[in-house]
C-alpha atoms as a PDB file:
ATOM      1  CA  MET A   1     -32.793  -4.245  -9.350  1.00  0.00           C
ATOM      2  CA  THR A   2     -33.692  -5.710  -6.068  1.00  0.00           C
ATOM      3  CA  PRO A   3     -33.956  -4.114  -2.614  1.00  0.00           C
ATOM      4  CA  ARG A   4     -30.794  -5.990  -1.528  1.00  0.00           C
ATOM      5  CA  ALA A   5     -28.793  -4.784  -4.402  1.00  0.00           C
ATOM      6  CA  SER A   6     -30.577  -1.292  -4.425  1.00  0.00           C
ATOM      7  CA  SER A   7     -29.224  -1.035  -0.829  1.00  0.00           C
ATOM      8  CA  LEU A   8     -25.605  -2.145  -1.336  1.00  0.00           C
ATOM      9  CA  PHE A   9     -25.415   0.503  -4.231  1.00  0.00           C
ATOM     10  CA  VAL A  10     -26.281   2.884  -1.879  1.00  0.00           C
ATOM     11  CA  LYS A  11     -23.864   1.983   0.717  1.00  0.00           C
ATOM     12  CA  MET A  12     -21.194   1.443  -1.746  1.00  0.00           C
ATOM     13  CA  THR A  13     -21.687   4.976  -3.075  1.00  0.00           C
ATOM     14  CA  ALA A  14     -22.060   6.840   0.521  1.00  0.00           C
ATOM     15  CA  VAL A  15     -18.938   5.451   1.612  1.00  0.00           C
ATOM     16  CA  SER A  16     -16.948   6.150  -1.444  1.00  0.00           C
ATOM     17  CA  LEU A  17     -18.734   9.738  -1.510  1.00  0.00           C
ATOM     18  CA  VAL A  18     -17.360  10.536   2.298  1.00  0.00           C
ATOM     19  CA  LEU A  19     -13.824   8.847   1.642  1.00  0.00           C
ATOM     20  CA  LEU A  20     -13.167  10.843  -1.792  1.00  0.00           C
ATOM     21  CA  LEU A  21     -14.087  13.756  -0.061  1.00  0.00           C
ATOM     22  CA  LEU A  22     -11.857  13.129   2.687  1.00  0.00           C
ATOM     23  CA  LEU A  23      -8.929  12.347   0.103  1.00  0.00           C
ATOM     24  CA  VAL A  24      -9.646  15.665  -2.050  1.00  0.00           C
ATOM     25  CA  ALA A  25      -9.144  17.341   1.799  1.00  0.00           C
ATOM     26  CA  VAL A  26      -6.145  16.026   2.652  1.00  0.00           C
ATOM     27  CA  MET A  27      -4.350  16.181  -0.823  1.00  0.00           C
ATOM     28  CA  ALA A  28      -5.345  19.931  -0.549  1.00  0.00           C
ATOM     29  CA  ALA A  29      -3.588  20.058   3.038  1.00  0.00           C
ATOM     30  CA  GLY A  30      -0.522  18.141   1.450  1.00  0.00           C
ATOM     31  CA  LEU A  31      -0.606  20.524  -1.457  1.00  0.00           C
ATOM     32  CA  ALA A  32      -0.905  23.754   1.179  1.00  0.00           C
ATOM     33  CA  MET A  33       1.193  22.622   4.197  1.00  0.00           C
ATOM     34  CA  GLY A  34       5.055  22.599   4.702  1.00  0.00           C
ATOM     35  CA  SER A  35       8.148  24.029   5.165  1.00  0.00           C
ATOM     36  CA  SER A  36       7.665  27.048   3.404  1.00  0.00           C
ATOM     37  CA  GLY A  37       4.541  27.911   5.010  1.00  0.00           C
ATOM     38  CA  THR A  38       2.402  27.456   1.801  1.00  0.00           C
ATOM     39  CA  ARG A  39      -1.314  28.417   2.911  1.00  0.00           C
ATOM     40  CA  LEU A  40      -4.552  26.893   1.627  1.00  0.00           C
ATOM     41  CA  ASP A  41      -5.617  30.368  -0.351  1.00  0.00           C
ATOM     42  CA  SER A  42      -1.960  29.836  -2.585  1.00  0.00           C
ATOM     43  CA  ILE A  43      -3.518  26.863  -4.109  1.00  0.00           C
ATOM     44  CA  TRP A  44      -6.937  28.771  -4.836  1.00  0.00           C
ATOM     45  CA  THR A  45      -4.567  31.594  -6.214  1.00  0.00           C
ATOM     46  CA  SER A  46      -2.117  29.376  -8.257  1.00  0.00           C
ATOM     47  CA  LEU A  47      -5.066  27.730 -10.003  1.00  0.00           C
ATOM     48  CA  PHE A  48      -7.091  30.559 -10.705  1.00  0.00           C
ATOM     49  CA  ALA A  49      -4.626  33.610 -10.834  1.00  0.00           C
ATOM     50  CA  ASN A  50      -4.230  33.437 -14.471  1.00  0.00           C
ATOM     51  CA  GLY A  51      -0.332  33.538 -14.673  1.00  0.00           C
ATOM     52  CA  THR A  52      -0.553  36.398 -11.914  1.00  0.00           C
ATOM     53  CA  GLY A  53       0.795  34.074  -8.881  1.00  0.00           C
ATOM     54  CA  HIS A  54       3.875  34.098  -7.430  1.00  0.00           C
ATOM     55  CA  ALA A  55       6.197  31.787  -9.346  1.00  0.00           C
ATOM     56  CA  MET A  56       8.093  30.164  -6.391  1.00  0.00           C
ATOM     57  CA  GLU A  57       4.635  29.176  -5.045  1.00  0.00           C
ATOM     58  CA  ASP A  58       3.205  27.772  -7.964  1.00  0.00           C
ATOM     59  CA  ALA A  59       6.966  26.039  -8.374  1.00  0.00           C
ATOM     60  CA  ILE A  60       6.867  24.574  -4.865  1.00  0.00           C
ATOM     61  CA  ILE A  61       2.779  23.295  -5.127  1.00  0.00           C
ATOM     62  CA  TRP A  62       2.811  22.068  -8.580  1.00  0.00           C
ATOM     63  CA  ARG A  63       6.460  20.348  -9.539  1.00  0.00           C
ATOM     64  CA  ILE A  64       7.367  19.207  -5.644  1.00  0.00           C
ATOM     65  CA  ARG A  65       3.924  18.874  -3.425  1.00  0.00           C
ATOM     66  CA  PHE A  66       1.994  17.710  -6.380  1.00  0.00           C
ATOM     67  CA  PRO A  67       3.727  14.500  -7.264  1.00  0.00           C
ATOM     68  CA  ARG A  68       4.384  13.971  -3.693  1.00  0.00           C
ATOM     69  CA  VAL A  69       0.746  13.943  -2.578  1.00  0.00           C
ATOM     70  CA  LEU A  70      -0.431  12.114  -5.578  1.00  0.00           C
ATOM     71  CA  LEU A  71       2.637   9.247  -5.169  1.00  0.00           C
ATOM     72  CA  ALA A  72       1.372   8.960  -1.637  1.00  0.00           C
ATOM     73  CA  ALA A  73      -2.476   8.836  -2.560  1.00  0.00           C
ATOM     74  CA  LEU A  74      -1.426   5.874  -5.533  1.00  0.00           C
ATOM     75  CA  VAL A  75       1.048   3.969  -2.471  1.00  0.00           C
ATOM     76  CA  GLY A  76      -1.473   4.062   0.166  1.00  0.00           C
ATOM     77  CA  ALA A  77      -4.214   2.629  -1.986  1.00  0.00           C
ATOM     78  CA  ALA A  78      -1.974  -0.515  -3.218  1.00  0.00           C
ATOM     79  CA  LEU A  79      -0.748  -1.201   0.030  1.00  0.00           C
ATOM     80  CA  SER A  80      -4.256  -0.806   1.821  1.00  0.00           C
ATOM     81  CA  LEU A  81      -6.072  -2.929  -1.108  1.00  0.00           C
ATOM     82  CA  GLY A  82      -2.831  -5.513  -0.789  1.00  0.00           C
ATOM     83  CA  GLY A  83      -3.613  -6.108   2.738  1.00  0.00           C
ATOM     84  CA  LEU A  84      -7.568  -6.759   2.061  1.00  0.00           C
ATOM     85  CA  VAL A  85      -6.729  -9.169  -0.526  1.00  0.00           C
ATOM     86  CA  PHE A  86      -4.334 -11.218   1.374  1.00  0.00           C
ATOM     87  CA  GLN A  87      -6.322 -10.965   4.494  1.00  0.00           C
ATOM     88  CA  ALA A  88      -9.344 -12.445   2.395  1.00  0.00           C
ATOM     89  CA  LEU A  89      -7.408 -15.221   0.756  1.00  0.00           C
ATOM     90  CA  LEU A  90      -5.261 -16.163   3.468  1.00  0.00           C
ATOM     91  CA  LYS A  91      -8.496 -15.982   6.101  1.00  0.00           C
ATOM     92  CA  ASN A  92      -6.470 -14.054   8.438  1.00  0.00           C
ATOM     93  CA  PRO A  93      -6.868 -11.044   9.726  1.00  0.00           C
ATOM     94  CA  LEU A  94      -3.263 -10.124  10.599  1.00  0.00           C
ATOM     95  CA  ALA A  95      -1.822 -10.429   6.972  1.00  0.00           C
ATOM     96  CA  GLU A  96      -0.392  -7.516   5.455  1.00  0.00           C
ATOM     97  CA  PRO A  97       2.283  -7.123   3.143  1.00  0.00           C
ATOM     98  CA  TYR A  98       4.850  -5.965   4.782  1.00  0.00           C
ATOM     99  CA  ILE A  99       4.086  -8.284   8.141  1.00  0.00           C
ATOM    100  CA  LEU A 100       4.265 -11.579   5.609  1.00  0.00           C
ATOM    101  CA  GLY A 101       7.353 -10.232   3.873  1.00  0.00           C
ATOM    102  CA  ILE A 102       5.666 -10.018   0.641  1.00  0.00           C
ATOM    103  CA  SER A 103       7.218  -6.178   1.102  1.00  0.00           C
ATOM    104  CA  GLY A 104      10.645  -7.343   2.293  1.00  0.00           C
ATOM    105  CA  GLY A 105      10.912 -10.038  -1.079  1.00  0.00           C
ATOM    106  CA  ALA A 106       9.757  -7.147  -3.208  1.00  0.00           C
ATOM    107  CA  ALA A 107      12.709  -4.323  -1.897  1.00  0.00           C
ATOM    108  CA  ILE A 108      15.211  -7.537  -1.949  1.00  0.00           C
ATOM    109  CA  GLY A 109      14.714  -7.590  -6.058  1.00  0.00           C
ATOM    110  CA  ALA A 110      14.264  -3.813  -5.958  1.00  0.00           C
ATOM    111  CA  ILE A 111      17.946  -3.296  -4.317  1.00  0.00           C
ATOM    112  CA  ILE A 112      19.196  -5.991  -6.922  1.00  0.00           C
ATOM    113  CA  GLY A 113      17.713  -4.160  -9.309  1.00  0.00           C
ATOM    114  CA  ILE A 114      19.504  -0.402  -8.193  1.00  0.00           C
ATOM    115  CA  ILE A 115      22.686  -2.233  -8.176  1.00  0.00           C
ATOM    116  CA  LEU A 116      22.571  -3.558 -11.277  1.00  0.00           C
ATOM    117  CA  GLY A 117      21.701  -0.089 -12.877  1.00  0.00           C
ATOM    118  CA  LEU A 118      18.281  -0.584 -14.075  1.00  0.00           C
ATOM    119  CA  SER A 119      15.992   2.330 -14.247  1.00  0.00           C
ATOM    120  CA  ARG A 120      12.920   2.601 -11.501  1.00  0.00           C
ATOM    121  CA  ILE A 121      10.540   1.943 -14.070  1.00  0.00           C
ATOM    122  CA  PRO A 122       9.933  -0.722 -15.429  1.00  0.00           C
ATOM    123  CA  GLY A 123      13.933  -2.762 -14.667  1.00  0.00           C
ATOM    124  CA  VAL A 124      13.416  -2.017 -10.812  1.00  0.00           C
ATOM    125  CA  SER A 125       9.924  -3.233 -11.041  1.00  0.00           C
ATOM    126  CA  LEU A 126      10.479  -6.300 -12.618  1.00  0.00           C
ATOM    127  CA  THR A 127      12.913  -7.143 -10.530  1.00  0.00           C
ATOM    128  CA  ALA A 128      10.840  -6.305  -7.251  1.00  0.00           C
ATOM    129  CA  PHE A 129       7.910  -7.967  -9.065  1.00  0.00           C
ATOM    130  CA  ALA A 130      10.131 -11.246  -9.004  1.00  0.00           C
ATOM    131  CA  GLY A 131      11.193 -10.855  -5.347  1.00  0.00           C
ATOM    132  CA  SER A 132       7.443 -10.739  -4.361  1.00  0.00           C
ATOM    133  CA  LEU A 133       6.643 -13.742  -5.828  1.00  0.00           C
ATOM    134  CA  VAL A 134       9.190 -15.684  -4.648  1.00  0.00           C
ATOM    135  CA  THR A 135       8.607 -14.735  -0.939  1.00  0.00           C
ATOM    136  CA  LEU A 136       4.872 -15.049  -1.698  1.00  0.00           C
ATOM    137  CA  VAL A 137       5.489 -19.134  -2.902  1.00  0.00           C
ATOM    138  CA  LEU A 138       8.071 -19.363  -0.104  1.00  0.00           C
ATOM    139  CA  ILE A 139       5.700 -18.360   2.848  1.00  0.00           C
ATOM    140  CA  ILE A 140       2.532 -20.589   1.447  1.00  0.00           C
ATOM    141  CA  PHE A 141       5.153 -23.443   1.046  1.00  0.00           C
ATOM    142  CA  ILE A 142       6.352 -22.878   4.593  1.00  0.00           C
ATOM    143  CA  SER A 143       2.664 -22.980   6.155  1.00  0.00           C
ATOM    144  CA  SER A 144       1.201 -25.509   4.287  1.00  0.00           C
ATOM    145  CA  GLY A 145       2.315 -28.027   6.966  1.00  0.00           C
ATOM    146  CA  ARG A 146      -0.196 -29.261   9.645  1.00  0.00           C
ATOM    147  CA  ALA A 147       2.413 -29.185  12.730  1.00  0.00           C
ATOM    148  CA  VAL A 148       0.142 -25.591  13.792  1.00  0.00           C
ATOM    149  CA  VAL A 149      -2.878 -23.956  13.211  1.00  0.00           C
ATOM    150  CA  VAL A 150      -2.892 -22.500   9.947  1.00  0.00           C
ATOM    151  CA  LYS A 151      -3.541 -19.284  10.992  1.00  0.00           C
ATOM    152  CA  ASP A 152      -0.449 -19.175  13.703  1.00  0.00           C
ATOM    153  CA  ALA A 153       1.600 -20.761  10.453  1.00  0.00           C
ATOM    154  CA  LEU A 154       1.225 -18.497   7.986  1.00  0.00           C
ATOM    155  CA  LEU A 155       2.125 -15.407  10.788  1.00  0.00           C
ATOM    156  CA  LEU A 156       5.123 -17.591  11.989  1.00  0.00           C
ATOM    157  CA  SER A 157       5.970 -17.913   8.443  1.00  0.00           C
ATOM    158  CA  GLY A 158       5.974 -14.259   7.814  1.00  0.00           C
ATOM    159  CA  VAL A 159       7.792 -13.346  10.760  1.00  0.00           C
ATOM    160  CA  MET A 160      10.404 -15.370   9.498  1.00  0.00           C
ATOM    161  CA  VAL A 161      10.432 -15.023   6.312  1.00  0.00           C
ATOM    162  CA  ASN A 162      10.653 -11.160   6.688  1.00  0.00           C
ATOM    163  CA  ALA A 163      13.723 -11.519   9.230  1.00  0.00           C
ATOM    164  CA  PHE A 164      15.355 -13.646   6.377  1.00  0.00           C
ATOM    165  CA  CYS A 165      14.863 -10.979   3.854  1.00  0.00           C
ATOM    166  CA  THR A 166      15.894  -8.590   6.161  1.00  0.00           C
ATOM    167  CA  ALA A 167      19.149  -9.902   6.702  1.00  0.00           C
ATOM    168  CA  VAL A 168      19.732  -9.999   2.639  1.00  0.00           C
ATOM    169  CA  ILE A 169      18.889  -6.537   2.745  1.00  0.00           C
ATOM    170  CA  MET A 170      21.743  -5.966   4.962  1.00  0.00           C
ATOM    171  CA  PHE A 171      24.093  -8.411   3.197  1.00  0.00           C
ATOM    172  CA  LEU A 172      23.297  -6.126   0.087  1.00  0.00           C
ATOM    173  CA  LEU A 173      23.486  -3.263   1.266  1.00  0.00           C
ATOM    174  CA  SER A 174      27.454  -3.979   3.096  1.00  0.00           C
ATOM    175  CA  ILE A 175      28.601  -5.020  -0.360  1.00  0.00           C
ATOM    176  CA  THR A 176      27.361  -1.707  -1.565  1.00  0.00           C
ATOM    177  CA  GLN A 177      30.071   0.684  -1.231  1.00  0.00           C
ATOM    178  CA  ASP A 178      29.380   3.942  -3.790  1.00  0.00           C
ATOM    179  CA  ASN A 179      27.003   6.923  -3.094  1.00  0.00           C
ATOM    180  CA  ARG A 180      24.146   4.808  -3.587  1.00  0.00           C
ATOM    181  CA  LEU A 181      24.244   3.485  -0.145  1.00  0.00           C
ATOM    182  CA  HIS A 182      22.952   6.618   1.752  1.00  0.00           C
ATOM    183  CA  ASN A 183      19.989   6.653  -0.685  1.00  0.00           C
ATOM    184  CA  ILE A 184      19.070   3.078  -0.554  1.00  0.00           C
ATOM    185  CA  ILE A 185      18.810   3.078   2.798  1.00  0.00           C
ATOM    186  CA  PHE A 186      16.655   6.418   3.232  1.00  0.00           C
ATOM    187  CA  TRP A 187      14.675   4.440   0.518  1.00  0.00           C
ATOM    188  CA  LEU A 188      13.923   1.301   2.679  1.00  0.00           C
ATOM    189  CA  MET A 189      12.211   3.106   5.388  1.00  0.00           C
ATOM    190  CA  GLY A 190       9.466   4.551   3.256  1.00  0.00           C
ATOM    191  CA  ASP A 191      10.727   7.701   0.891  1.00  0.00           C
ATOM    192  CA  LEU A 192       8.392   9.708  -1.166  1.00  0.00           C
ATOM    193  CA  SER A 193      10.693  12.563  -1.690  1.00  0.00           C
ATOM    194  CA  ALA A 194      11.893  11.594  -4.733  1.00  0.00           C
ATOM    195  CA  SER A 195       8.696  11.523  -6.798  1.00  0.00           C
ATOM    196  CA  GLN A 196       8.679  12.619 -10.408  1.00  0.00           C
ATOM    197  CA  ILE A 197       5.389  13.291 -12.152  1.00  0.00           C
ATOM    198  CA  GLN A 198       6.738  10.938 -14.879  1.00  0.00           C
ATOM    199  CA  HIS A 199       7.135   8.189 -12.192  1.00  0.00           C
ATOM    200  CA  VAL A 200       3.818   8.844 -10.883  1.00  0.00           C
ATOM    201  CA  GLY A 201       2.423   8.694 -13.990  1.00  0.00           C
ATOM    202  CA  MET A 202       3.429   5.338 -14.905  1.00  0.00           C
ATOM    203  CA  LEU A 203       2.816   3.851 -11.448  1.00  0.00           C
ATOM    204  CA  ALA A 204      -0.942   4.928 -12.067  1.00  0.00           C
ATOM    205  CA  VAL A 205      -0.785   3.118 -15.275  1.00  0.00           C
ATOM    206  CA  ILE A 206      -0.010  -0.161 -13.488  1.00  0.00           C
ATOM    207  CA  LEU A 207      -2.170   0.405 -10.609  1.00  0.00           C
ATOM    208  CA  LEU A 208      -5.335   1.738 -11.442  1.00  0.00           C
ATOM    209  CA  PRO A 209      -5.995  -1.427 -13.970  1.00  0.00           C
ATOM    210  CA  CYS A 210      -5.275  -3.496 -10.573  1.00  0.00           C
ATOM    211  CA  PHE A 211      -7.774  -1.709  -8.675  1.00  0.00           C
ATOM    212  CA  ILE A 212     -10.593  -2.360 -11.117  1.00  0.00           C
ATOM    213  CA  ALA A 213      -9.487  -6.213 -11.631  1.00  0.00           C
ATOM    214  CA  ILE A 214      -9.467  -6.602  -7.592  1.00  0.00           C
ATOM    215  CA  PHE A 215     -13.240  -4.833  -7.805  1.00  0.00           C
ATOM    216  CA  ILE A 216     -14.276  -7.014 -10.267  1.00  0.00           C
ATOM    217  CA  TYR A 217     -13.467  -9.805  -7.736  1.00  0.00           C
ATOM    218  CA  SER A 218     -14.444  -8.490  -4.807  1.00  0.00           C
ATOM    219  CA  ASN A 219     -17.889 -10.522  -4.573  1.00  0.00           C
ATOM    220  CA  ARG A 220     -15.823 -13.613  -5.279  1.00  0.00           C
ATOM    221  CA  MET A 221     -13.695 -12.295  -2.577  1.00  0.00           C
ATOM    222  CA  ASN A 222     -16.934 -12.337  -0.082  1.00  0.00           C
ATOM    223  CA  LEU A 223     -17.382 -16.128  -1.183  1.00  0.00           C
ATOM    224  CA  LEU A 224     -13.741 -17.419  -0.382  1.00  0.00           C
ATOM    225  CA  LEU A 225     -14.276 -16.138   3.130  1.00  0.00           C
ATOM    226  CA  LEU A 226     -17.051 -18.662   3.196  1.00  0.00           C
ATOM    227  CA  GLY A 227     -14.591 -21.850   2.661  1.00  0.00           C
ATOM    228  CA  SER A 228     -13.044 -23.507  -0.180  1.00  0.00           C
ATOM    229  CA  ASP A 229     -15.729 -26.140  -0.548  1.00  0.00           C
ATOM    230  CA  MET A 230     -18.797 -23.663   0.044  1.00  0.00           C
ATOM    231  CA  ALA A 231     -17.113 -20.742  -3.082  1.00  0.00           C
ATOM    232  CA  THR A 232     -17.158 -23.820  -5.114  1.00  0.00           C
ATOM    233  CA  SER A 233     -20.199 -25.437  -4.653  1.00  0.00           C
ATOM    234  CA  MET A 234     -21.116 -21.705  -6.080  1.00  0.00           C
ATOM    235  CA  GLY A 235     -19.673 -21.570  -9.056  1.00  0.00           C
ATOM    236  CA  VAL A 236     -16.342 -19.910  -8.054  1.00  0.00           C
ATOM    237  CA  PRO A 237     -13.013 -21.416  -9.623  1.00  0.00           C
ATOM    238  CA  VAL A 238     -11.411 -20.964  -6.331  1.00  0.00           C
ATOM    239  CA  ARG A 239      -7.665 -22.002  -7.826  1.00  0.00           C
ATOM    240  CA  ARG A 240      -7.862 -19.547 -10.373  1.00  0.00           C
ATOM    241  CA  VAL A 241      -9.272 -16.809  -8.404  1.00  0.00           C
ATOM    242  CA  THR A 242      -6.645 -17.062  -5.760  1.00  0.00           C
ATOM    243  CA  LEU A 243      -3.987 -17.265  -8.308  1.00  0.00           C
ATOM    244  CA  VAL A 244      -5.197 -14.519 -10.454  1.00  0.00           C
ATOM    245  CA  LEU A 245      -5.571 -12.442  -7.121  1.00  0.00           C
ATOM    246  CA  LEU A 246      -2.321 -13.002  -5.665  1.00  0.00           C
ATOM    247  CA  VAL A 247      -0.685 -12.368  -9.068  1.00  0.00           C
ATOM    248  CA  ILE A 248      -2.029  -8.910  -9.156  1.00  0.00           C
ATOM    249  CA  THR A 249      -1.668  -7.940  -5.377  1.00  0.00           C
ATOM    250  CA  SER A 250       2.030  -8.844  -5.490  1.00  0.00           C
ATOM    251  CA  LEU A 251       2.465  -6.783  -9.180  1.00  0.00           C
ATOM    252  CA  MET A 252       1.013  -4.284  -6.974  1.00  0.00           C
ATOM    253  CA  ILE A 253       2.923  -4.108  -3.779  1.00  0.00           C
ATOM    254  CA  SER A 254       6.113  -4.484  -6.131  1.00  0.00           C
ATOM    255  CA  VAL A 255       5.755  -1.324  -8.242  1.00  0.00           C
ATOM    256  CA  THR A 256       4.819   0.253  -5.400  1.00  0.00           C
ATOM    257  CA  VAL A 257       8.100  -0.778  -3.247  1.00  0.00           C
ATOM    258  CA  SER A 258      10.009  -0.074  -6.310  1.00  0.00           C
ATOM    259  CA  GLN A 259       9.137   3.621  -5.783  1.00  0.00           C
ATOM    260  CA  CYS A 260       8.999   4.327  -2.117  1.00  0.00           C
ATOM    261  CA  GLY A 261      10.595   1.453  -0.359  1.00  0.00           C
ATOM    262  CA  LEU A 262       9.292  -0.269   2.343  1.00  0.00           C
ATOM    263  CA  ILE A 263       6.166   1.083   4.089  1.00  0.00           C
ATOM    264  CA  GLY A 264       4.441  -0.978   6.702  1.00  0.00           C
ATOM    265  CA  PHE A 265       1.420  -1.425   8.405  1.00  0.00           C
ATOM    266  CA  VAL A 266      -0.906  -0.001   6.064  1.00  0.00           C
ATOM    267  CA  GLY A 267      -2.495  -2.995   4.930  1.00  0.00           C
ATOM    268  CA  LEU A 268      -3.299  -3.977   8.235  1.00  0.00           C
ATOM    269  CA  VAL A 269      -4.545   0.015   9.061  1.00  0.00           C
ATOM    270  CA  ILE A 270      -7.213   0.956   6.867  1.00  0.00           C
ATOM    271  CA  PRO A 271      -9.021  -2.830   6.167  1.00  0.00           C
ATOM    272  CA  HIS A 272      -9.194  -3.563   9.988  1.00  0.00           C
ATOM    273  CA  LEU A 273     -10.911   0.099  10.270  1.00  0.00           C
ATOM    274  CA  LEU A 274     -13.243   0.085   7.363  1.00  0.00           C
ATOM    275  CA  ARG A 275     -14.398  -3.370   8.608  1.00  0.00           C
ATOM    276  CA  LEU A 276     -15.326  -1.669  11.722  1.00  0.00           C
ATOM    277  CA  LEU A 277     -17.258   1.127  10.248  1.00  0.00           C
ATOM    278  CA  CYS A 278     -18.695  -0.321   7.067  1.00  0.00           C
ATOM    279  CA  GLY A 279     -18.993  -3.994   7.715  1.00  0.00           C
ATOM    280  CA  PRO A 280     -17.105  -7.263   5.804  1.00  0.00           C
ATOM    281  CA  ASP A 281     -18.447  -7.078   2.335  1.00  0.00           C
ATOM    282  CA  HIS A 282     -15.446  -6.355  -0.040  1.00  0.00           C
ATOM    283  CA  ARG A 283     -17.612  -4.455  -2.486  1.00  0.00           C
ATOM    284  CA  ILE A 284     -17.219  -1.899  -0.160  1.00  0.00           C
ATOM    285  CA  LEU A 285     -14.271  -2.563   1.686  1.00  0.00           C
ATOM    286  CA  VAL A 286     -12.229  -2.583  -1.919  1.00  0.00           C
ATOM    287  CA  PRO A 287     -13.350   1.139  -2.903  1.00  0.00           C
ATOM    288  CA  GLY A 288     -13.082   1.868   0.693  1.00  0.00           C
ATOM    289  CA  CYS A 289      -9.473   0.699   1.159  1.00  0.00           C
ATOM    290  CA  VAL A 290      -8.592   2.842  -2.240  1.00  0.00           C
ATOM    291  CA  LEU A 291      -9.808   5.866  -1.181  1.00  0.00           C
ATOM    292  CA  GLY A 292      -9.388   5.494   2.576  1.00  0.00           C
ATOM    293  CA  GLY A 293      -5.936   4.046   1.971  1.00  0.00           C
ATOM    294  CA  GLY A 294      -5.028   6.927  -0.137  1.00  0.00           C
ATOM    295  CA  ALA A 295      -5.952   9.576   2.433  1.00  0.00           C
ATOM    296  CA  TYR A 296      -4.559   7.662   5.401  1.00  0.00           C
ATOM    297  CA  MET A 297      -0.695   7.526   3.370  1.00  0.00           C
ATOM    298  CA  VAL A 298      -0.876  11.404   2.683  1.00  0.00           C
ATOM    299  CA  VAL A 299      -1.740  12.144   6.023  1.00  0.00           C
ATOM    300  CA  CYS A 300       1.268  10.172   7.231  1.00  0.00           C
ATOM    301  CA  ASP A 301       3.200  11.670   4.591  1.00  0.00           C
ATOM    302  CA  LEU A 302       2.182  15.260   5.495  1.00  0.00           C
ATOM    303  CA  LEU A 303       3.200  14.350   9.159  1.00  0.00           C
ATOM    304  CA  ALA A 304       6.554  13.355   8.100  1.00  0.00           C
ATOM    305  CA  ARG A 305       7.223  16.502   6.697  1.00  0.00           C
ATOM    306  CA  VAL A 306       5.925  18.874   9.034  1.00  0.00           C
ATOM    307  CA  LEU A 307       6.595  17.255  12.425  1.00  0.00           C
ATOM    308  CA  PRO A 308      10.462  17.685  12.459  1.00  0.00           C
ATOM    309  CA  PRO A 309      11.746  20.891  13.212  1.00  0.00           C
ATOM    310  CA  GLN A 310      14.427  20.354  10.328  1.00  0.00           C
ATOM    311  CA  GLY A 311      14.445  18.324   7.428  1.00  0.00           C
ATOM    312  CA  GLU A 312      11.666  15.379   6.849  1.00  0.00           C
ATOM    313  CA  MET A 313      11.504  11.967   8.252  1.00  0.00           C
ATOM    314  CA  PRO A 314      10.581   8.826   6.228  1.00  0.00           C
ATOM    315  CA  GLY A 315       6.988   8.742   5.972  1.00  0.00           C
ATOM    316  CA  GLY A 316       6.984   4.760   6.935  1.00  0.00           C
ATOM    317  CA  VAL A 317       8.395   6.010  10.336  1.00  0.00           C
ATOM    318  CA  ILE A 318       5.076   7.230  11.079  1.00  0.00           C
ATOM    319  CA  THR A 319       2.921   4.604   9.620  1.00  0.00           C
ATOM    320  CA  ALA A 320       4.927   2.209  11.934  1.00  0.00           C
ATOM    321  CA  MET A 321       4.293   4.057  14.947  1.00  0.00           C
ATOM    322  CA  ILE A 322       0.679   4.070  14.186  1.00  0.00           C
ATOM    323  CA  GLY A 323       0.567   0.436  12.908  1.00  0.00           C
ATOM    324  CA  ALA A 324       2.792  -1.263  15.396  1.00  0.00           C
ATOM    325  CA  PRO A 325       0.722  -0.699  18.402  1.00  0.00           C
ATOM    326  CA  LEU A 326      -2.124  -1.884  16.389  1.00  0.00           C
ATOM    327  CA  PHE A 327      -1.214  -4.942  15.153  1.00  0.00           C
ATOM    328  CA  ILE A 328      -0.040  -5.579  18.685  1.00  0.00           C
ATOM    329  CA  PHE A 329      -3.629  -5.029  19.713  1.00  0.00           C
ATOM    330  CA  LEU A 330      -4.828  -7.352  17.289  1.00  0.00           C
ATOM    331  CA  LEU A 331      -2.449 -10.381  18.379  1.00  0.00           C
ATOM    332  CA  ARG A 332      -3.570 -10.255  21.728  1.00  0.00           C
ATOM    333  CA  ARG A 333      -7.197 -10.037  20.641  1.00  0.00           C
ATOM    334  CA  SER A 334      -6.867 -12.972  18.266  1.00  0.00           C
ATOM    335  CA  LYS A 335      -4.960 -15.041  20.897  1.00  0.00           C
ATOM    336  CA  GLY A 336      -7.723 -14.407  23.312  1.00  0.00           C
END
């Protein structure tokens, strides 16, 4: 192993270990905190009491909170990694599934699946995947003109498509007259409360191979940032790599949206923060986004559960309150 490769391995291991410890810590907090006031020592007792713990606390921790914490970690990892991939492929630090309208397209597909009475997985996931792909193709087609700078074209196209997706979603809601209407509205705001361990397990089966595949392509993503011509001269099949990464990322976003609705700005906050702390190498950023995005979403979901004096708010509200000001800041800085 060369000194440069050894240094990269050490840095990647150190960053991943720190973020893994952070993820474990916030997941423990997510299991311990809630409306019932369960403490950290209750988790320890539930794990090692050999059946002598309190049955009610065990049920709250492992049947209600544990699936939700796992779902939040997977959702945060997928959204964060999706933002990283879009930013690398589109060469735009403001690219993010929610801002570009990819999440909105997936939401349209998911709502159509719900109205048609399809099951959450795989029926709704398939319709959400189709919606995200259609939206992605539409954005690339609109932004391919030369009237404006490419960076601005992508951003403006995403904003326009996102607005159109919102209008379609409102139309679909207006023609839904039964008791599913309230559930769809709450789900659209980023709802993690309906998590079940079976759905979380199926989501993990889909997402984990996607994480691994993107990590395999991480060095090629570094080369793509140098430009298509330079990447081609270095042996990167640009069209194939771009297509594979776009399809994988759209799949991740669609299955995530089908489970928890629209959660925005995670793919903007975490990649930007990690670039500031760890540099631009995607071989470090990819595992960092998986672990850091998971930890961030667990924290946001925890705040959504404990901040309201009664009930809870959707997790997407917390991510938007943090991410929207950051987006405005990055937009102003890029214009400067």
